[in-house]
Every structure is written in structure tokens, then in C-alpha cells.
């Protein structure tokens, strides 16, 4: 009788309360993970404004060309028959620090292109801005190792070692 009275009066019974608290806690954890991901993403960039400009520039380029597949084809001059299998945002670890960009995995290669252009000095002293690109043919890959940051398990990484012992 008390349960019927509680339900009809709009009161929340303990089981429903536990379920609601569980769902709220689950959603809070998802939101915390999302915010941590954004914070970490922006922390790795040199400046907030530079990171945002790079992302907007890349997004505009993807829209202009009509999708990630077309961006891949244009940047890496993909050959006939080469198919893009996966594209995802990532950071390439370099001695100068992490570089934000897109990782492309195709039927022929693993490739990376930075979100924003980087300044390089030419032999004649002139400064040139170009996108940082890496392209590794699959036939030259010796092994790929997967790992994750011990302190932050949500941060995963991949190490690619080529047959001539370069690692990326």
C-alpha cells in the first residue's frame, strides 16, 4: 500500500532513486572524460588560438574538398586502386614536441598530415610554411606496437618501426 501511495503521489521510491543516481554518476563520468579530452587536446597545442585556428583550417579544407577521402587523395597523390581505410585525429610525437594532425591508413600506406602549417628555413634563409607530412608504404613497415600511457590509460599510442629501423 505504501508503494502505491508513493507512486501515485509522485514520490520517488528508493530503487528508482538508486537507478537515477547511477545514471547521473555515469553521465558525469562521461562528461568528465570528454572535458579532460578537450583540455588535454588543447594543452598539447602551443597556444589555444593556434590550436583552434589549425582545427578550423583543417575542417574548412575537408569541407572544401568534399570529405576526408578527397583530402587524403590530394595531399598524398593516392594511386588508382588505393583505398582509404581509416582516418582519425592524432598527434605525431617529434623531438620538437607533439604535432596535431590526421592519421590516414590506406591499403597502401600509413600517412600523417599536420593540422596547421609549420615554418621551415630554406637553405637560402627564406622561411616557408608547409604542412608536416609523413608517408610510410606498408611494404616498408617492420612492425607496429600499440601501447597506452601508464599515468593516463585513456591516452593510447602506436609506434611504427620501418625495415630500416626508423620509428614513428
C-alpha atoms as a PDB file:
ATOM      1  CA  UNK A   1       0.000   0.000   0.000  1.00  0.00           C
ATOM      2  CA  UNK A   2       2.834   2.416   0.829  1.00  0.00           C
ATOM      3  CA  UNK A   3       4.450   1.786  -2.600  1.00  0.00           C
ATOM      4  CA  UNK A   4       1.153   2.533  -4.343  1.00  0.00           C
ATOM      5  CA  UNK A   5       0.772   5.690  -2.303  1.00  0.00           C
ATOM      6  CA  UNK A   6       4.349   6.778  -3.083  1.00  0.00           C
ATOM      7  CA  UNK A   7       3.913   6.099  -6.807  1.00  0.00           C
ATOM      8  CA  UNK A   8       0.580   7.852  -7.062  1.00  0.00           C
ATOM      9  CA  UNK A   9       1.771  10.901  -5.126  1.00  0.00           C
ATOM     10  CA  UNK A  10       4.813  11.353  -7.381  1.00  0.00           C
ATOM     11  CA  UNK A  11       7.332  10.472  -4.636  1.00  0.00           C
ATOM     12  CA  UNK A  12      10.471   8.614  -5.733  1.00  0.00           C
ATOM     13  CA  UNK A  13      10.936   5.179  -4.219  1.00  0.00           C
ATOM     14  CA  UNK A  14      14.456   4.041  -3.177  1.00  0.00           C
ATOM     15  CA  UNK A  15      15.015   1.695  -6.158  1.00  0.00           C
ATOM     16  CA  UNK A  16      14.206   4.452  -8.650  1.00  0.00           C
ATOM     17  CA  UNK A  17      16.410   6.868  -6.699  1.00  0.00           C
ATOM     18  CA  UNK A  18      19.365   4.448  -6.848  1.00  0.00           C
ATOM     19  CA  UNK A  19      18.844   3.995 -10.586  1.00  0.00           C
ATOM     20  CA  UNK A  20      18.664   7.750 -11.130  1.00  0.00           C
ATOM     21  CA  UNK A  21      21.829   8.365  -9.072  1.00  0.00           C
ATOM     22  CA  UNK A  22      23.623   5.621 -11.034  1.00  0.00           C
ATOM     23  CA  UNK A  23      22.641   7.213 -14.375  1.00  0.00           C
ATOM     24  CA  UNK A  24      23.637  10.691 -13.202  1.00  0.00           C
ATOM     25  CA  UNK A  25      27.009   9.404 -11.997  1.00  0.00           C
ATOM     26  CA  UNK A  26      27.568   7.557 -15.283  1.00  0.00           C
ATOM     27  CA  UNK A  27      26.757  10.714 -17.288  1.00  0.00           C
ATOM     28  CA  UNK A  28      29.014  12.819 -15.016  1.00  0.00           C
ATOM     29  CA  UNK A  29      31.908  10.447 -15.682  1.00  0.00           C
ATOM     30  CA  UNK A  30      31.299  10.657 -19.450  1.00  0.00           C
ATOM     31  CA  UNK A  31      31.230  14.455 -19.270  1.00  0.00           C
ATOM     32  CA  UNK A  32      34.433  14.500 -17.166  1.00  0.00           C
ATOM     33  CA  UNK A  33      36.202  12.261 -19.708  1.00  0.00           C
ATOM     34  CA  UNK A  34      35.020  14.481 -22.564  1.00  0.00           C
ATOM     35  CA  UNK A  35      36.212  17.670 -20.834  1.00  0.00           C
ATOM     36  CA  UNK A  36      39.544  16.027 -19.917  1.00  0.00           C
ATOM     37  CA  UNK A  37      39.994  15.027 -23.563  1.00  0.00           C
ATOM     38  CA  UNK A  38      39.399  18.589 -24.752  1.00  0.00           C
ATOM     39  CA  UNK A  39      41.679  20.005 -22.061  1.00  0.00           C
ATOM     40  CA  UNK A  40      44.459  17.550 -22.963  1.00  0.00           C
ATOM     41  CA  UNK A  41      43.978  18.237 -26.668  1.00  0.00           C
ATOM     42  CA  UNK A  42      44.314  21.986 -26.172  1.00  0.00           C
ATOM     43  CA  UNK A  43      47.178  21.647 -23.687  1.00  0.00           C
ATOM     44  CA  UNK A  44      49.307  19.882 -26.304  1.00  0.00           C
ATOM     45  CA  UNK A  45      48.970  22.807 -28.703  1.00  0.00           C
ATOM     46  CA  UNK A  46      51.332  25.787 -28.477  1.00  0.00           C
ATOM     47  CA  UNK A  47      48.519  28.268 -27.874  1.00  0.00           C
ATOM     48  CA  UNK A  48      44.776  27.904 -27.581  1.00  0.00           C
ATOM     49  CA  UNK A  49      44.198  30.274 -30.510  1.00  0.00           C
ATOM     50  CA  UNK A  50      46.729  28.425 -32.711  1.00  0.00           C
ATOM     51  CA  UNK A  51      45.135  25.053 -31.932  1.00  0.00           C
ATOM     52  CA  UNK A  52      41.655  26.353 -32.733  1.00  0.00           C
ATOM     53  CA  UNK A  53      42.866  28.006 -35.975  1.00  0.00           C
ATOM     54  CA  UNK A  54      44.504  24.730 -37.036  1.00  0.00           C
ATOM     55  CA  UNK A  55      41.341  22.716 -36.385  1.00  0.00           C
ATOM     56  CA  UNK A  56      39.141  25.247 -38.190  1.00  0.00           C
ATOM     57  CA  UNK A  57      41.543  25.367 -41.126  1.00  0.00           C
ATOM     58  CA  UNK A  58      41.572  21.584 -41.413  1.00  0.00           C
ATOM     59  CA  UNK A  59      37.787  21.418 -41.090  1.00  0.00           C
ATOM     60  CA  UNK A  60      37.378  24.033 -43.829  1.00  0.00           C
ATOM     61  CA  UNK A  61      39.762  22.113 -46.083  1.00  0.00           C
ATOM     62  CA  UNK A  62      37.836  18.865 -45.562  1.00  0.00           C
ATOM     63  CA  UNK A  63      34.565  20.656 -46.388  1.00  0.00           C
ATOM     64  CA  UNK A  64      36.021  22.408 -49.463  1.00  0.00           C
ATOM     65  CA  UNK A  65      37.366  19.189 -50.945  1.00  0.00           C
ATOM     66  CA  UNK A  66      34.274  17.158 -50.110  1.00  0.00           C
ATOM     67  CA  UNK A  67      35.468  14.832 -47.368  1.00  0.00           C
ATOM     68  CA  UNK A  68      38.437  13.144 -45.748  1.00  0.00           C
ATOM     69  CA  UNK A  69      38.932  10.714 -48.655  1.00  0.00           C
ATOM     70  CA  UNK A  70      39.456  13.581 -51.081  1.00  0.00           C
ATOM     71  CA  UNK A  71      41.823  15.337 -48.668  1.00  0.00           C
ATOM     72  CA  UNK A  72      43.878  12.124 -48.461  1.00  0.00           C
ATOM     73  CA  UNK A  73      43.934  11.739 -52.255  1.00  0.00           C
ATOM     74  CA  UNK A  74      45.037  15.342 -52.790  1.00  0.00           C
ATOM     75  CA  UNK A  75      47.674  15.517 -50.041  1.00  0.00           C
ATOM     76  CA  UNK A  76      49.296  12.151 -50.760  1.00  0.00           C
ATOM     77  CA  UNK A  77      48.586  11.784 -54.509  1.00  0.00           C
ATOM     78  CA  UNK A  78      46.901   8.424 -53.936  1.00  0.00           C
ATOM     79  CA  UNK A  79      47.245   5.999 -56.836  1.00  0.00           C
ATOM     80  CA  UNK A  80      44.394   4.321 -58.645  1.00  0.00           C
ATOM     81  CA  UNK A  81      43.130   1.401 -56.578  1.00  0.00           C
ATOM     82  CA  UNK A  82      44.438   2.762 -53.248  1.00  0.00           C
ATOM     83  CA  UNK A  83      41.569   2.939 -50.767  1.00  0.00           C
ATOM     84  CA  UNK A  84      41.437   4.909 -47.546  1.00  0.00           C
ATOM     85  CA  UNK A  85      40.520   2.513 -44.745  1.00  0.00           C
ATOM     86  CA  UNK A  86      40.547   4.832 -41.715  1.00  0.00           C
ATOM     87  CA  UNK A  87      41.284   8.446 -40.831  1.00  0.00           C
ATOM     88  CA  UNK A  88      41.485   9.816 -37.324  1.00  0.00           C
ATOM     89  CA  UNK A  89      42.832  12.796 -35.433  1.00  0.00           C
ATOM     90  CA  UNK A  90      46.048  12.205 -33.550  1.00  0.00           C
ATOM     91  CA  UNK A  91      49.384  13.677 -32.517  1.00  0.00           C
ATOM     92  CA  UNK A  92      52.688  12.758 -34.085  1.00  0.00           C
ATOM     93  CA  UNK A  93      55.424  12.724 -31.461  1.00  0.00           C
ATOM     94  CA  UNK A  94      58.565  14.557 -32.596  1.00  0.00           C
ATOM     95  CA  UNK A  95      61.723  15.745 -30.855  1.00  0.00           C
ATOM     96  CA  UNK A  96      60.285  19.283 -31.074  1.00  0.00           C
ATOM     97  CA  UNK A  97      57.052  18.156 -29.376  1.00  0.00           C
ATOM     98  CA  UNK A  98      53.690  16.729 -30.464  1.00  0.00           C
ATOM     99  CA  UNK A  99      52.178  17.837 -33.778  1.00  0.00           C
ATOM    100  CA  UNK A 100      48.382  17.678 -34.176  1.00  0.00           C
ATOM    101  CA  UNK A 101      47.031  16.250 -37.402  1.00  0.00           C
ATOM    102  CA  UNK A 102      45.263  13.446 -39.194  1.00  0.00           C
ATOM    103  CA  UNK A 103      46.426   9.850 -39.374  1.00  0.00           C
ATOM    104  CA  UNK A 104      45.424   8.052 -42.570  1.00  0.00           C
ATOM    105  CA  UNK A 105      45.544   4.292 -43.018  1.00  0.00           C
ATOM    106  CA  UNK A 106      45.056   3.086 -46.581  1.00  0.00           C
ATOM    107  CA  UNK A 107      45.515  -0.170 -48.461  1.00  0.00           C
ATOM    108  CA  UNK A 108      48.991   1.051 -49.486  1.00  0.00           C
ATOM    109  CA  UNK A 109      50.370   3.195 -46.645  1.00  0.00           C
ATOM    110  CA  UNK A 110      50.143   4.790 -43.224  1.00  0.00           C
ATOM    111  CA  UNK A 111      50.305   8.572 -43.522  1.00  0.00           C
ATOM    112  CA  UNK A 112      50.122  11.692 -41.365  1.00  0.00           C
ATOM    113  CA  UNK A 113      49.475  15.340 -42.212  1.00  0.00           C
ATOM    114  CA  UNK A 114      49.596  18.175 -39.675  1.00  0.00           C
ATOM    115  CA  UNK A 115      46.514  20.323 -38.995  1.00  0.00           C
ATOM    116  CA  UNK A 116      48.407  23.537 -39.480  1.00  0.00           C
ATOM    117  CA  UNK A 117      51.453  24.537 -41.458  1.00  0.00           C
ATOM    118  CA  UNK A 118      54.862  24.701 -39.836  1.00  0.00           C
ATOM    119  CA  UNK A 119      57.663  27.210 -40.535  1.00  0.00           C
ATOM    120  CA  UNK A 120      60.852  25.802 -42.056  1.00  0.00           C
ATOM    121  CA  UNK A 121      64.041  27.569 -43.092  1.00  0.00           C
ATOM    122  CA  UNK A 122      65.168  27.071 -46.675  1.00  0.00           C
ATOM    123  CA  UNK A 123      68.894  26.783 -47.479  1.00  0.00           C
ATOM    124  CA  UNK A 124      68.750  30.364 -48.812  1.00  0.00           C
ATOM    125  CA  UNK A 125      67.443  31.566 -45.406  1.00  0.00           C
ATOM    126  CA  UNK A 126      63.869  32.145 -46.529  1.00  0.00           C
ATOM    127  CA  UNK A 127      61.081  30.975 -44.179  1.00  0.00           C
ATOM    128  CA  UNK A 128      58.488  28.715 -45.772  1.00  0.00           C
ATOM    129  CA  UNK A 129      55.250  27.399 -44.268  1.00  0.00           C
ATOM    130  CA  UNK A 130      54.324  23.833 -45.164  1.00  0.00           C
ATOM    131  CA  UNK A 131      52.252  21.052 -43.662  1.00  0.00           C
ATOM    132  CA  UNK A 132      54.262  18.359 -41.880  1.00  0.00           C
ATOM    133  CA  UNK A 133      53.670  15.108 -43.755  1.00  0.00           C
ATOM    134  CA  UNK A 134      54.818  11.518 -43.273  1.00  0.00           C
ATOM    135  CA  UNK A 135      54.001   8.636 -45.623  1.00  0.00           C
ATOM    136  CA  UNK A 136      55.151   5.080 -44.927  1.00  0.00           C
ATOM    137  CA  UNK A 137      54.423   2.381 -47.517  1.00  0.00           C
ATOM    138  CA  UNK A 138      53.021  -0.760 -45.858  1.00  0.00           C
ATOM    139  CA  UNK A 139      55.697  -2.924 -47.505  1.00  0.00           C
ATOM    140  CA  UNK A 140      58.372  -0.957 -45.574  1.00  0.00           C
ATOM    141  CA  UNK A 141      56.810  -1.459 -42.135  1.00  0.00           C
ATOM    142  CA  UNK A 142      58.656  -3.960 -39.975  1.00  0.00           C
ATOM    143  CA  UNK A 143      56.258  -3.862 -37.017  1.00  0.00           C
ATOM    144  CA  UNK A 144      53.683  -1.748 -35.217  1.00  0.00           C
ATOM    145  CA  UNK A 145      53.449  -1.659 -31.431  1.00  0.00           C
ATOM    146  CA  UNK A 146      50.395  -0.489 -29.543  1.00  0.00           C
ATOM    147  CA  UNK A 147      50.584   0.965 -26.055  1.00  0.00           C
ATOM    148  CA  UNK A 148      48.985   3.340 -23.608  1.00  0.00           C
ATOM    149  CA  UNK A 149      50.168   5.969 -21.191  1.00  0.00           C
ATOM    150  CA  UNK A 150      50.612   4.328 -17.766  1.00  0.00           C
ATOM    151  CA  UNK A 151      49.581   7.521 -15.962  1.00  0.00           C
ATOM    152  CA  UNK A 152      46.638   8.216 -18.311  1.00  0.00           C
ATOM    153  CA  UNK A 153      45.282   4.928 -19.744  1.00  0.00           C
ATOM    154  CA  UNK A 154      42.836   6.830 -21.984  1.00  0.00           C
ATOM    155  CA  UNK A 155      45.859   8.097 -23.957  1.00  0.00           C
ATOM    156  CA  UNK A 156      46.829   5.410 -26.414  1.00  0.00           C
ATOM    157  CA  UNK A 157      49.746   5.430 -28.815  1.00  0.00           C
ATOM    158  CA  UNK A 158      51.146   3.474 -31.691  1.00  0.00           C
ATOM    159  CA  UNK A 159      54.801   3.058 -32.621  1.00  0.00           C
ATOM    160  CA  UNK A 160      55.636   2.122 -36.201  1.00  0.00           C
ATOM    161  CA  UNK A 161      59.093   0.708 -36.932  1.00  0.00           C
ATOM    162  CA  UNK A 162      60.252   0.537 -40.551  1.00  0.00           C
ATOM    163  CA  UNK A 163      62.530  -2.113 -42.059  1.00  0.00           C
ATOM    164  CA  UNK A 164      65.409   0.395 -41.987  1.00  0.00           C
ATOM    165  CA  UNK A 165      64.808   0.839 -38.209  1.00  0.00           C
ATOM    166  CA  UNK A 166      63.241   4.302 -38.168  1.00  0.00           C
ATOM    167  CA  UNK A 167      60.418   4.651 -35.683  1.00  0.00           C
ATOM    168  CA  UNK A 168      57.364   6.900 -35.752  1.00  0.00           C
END
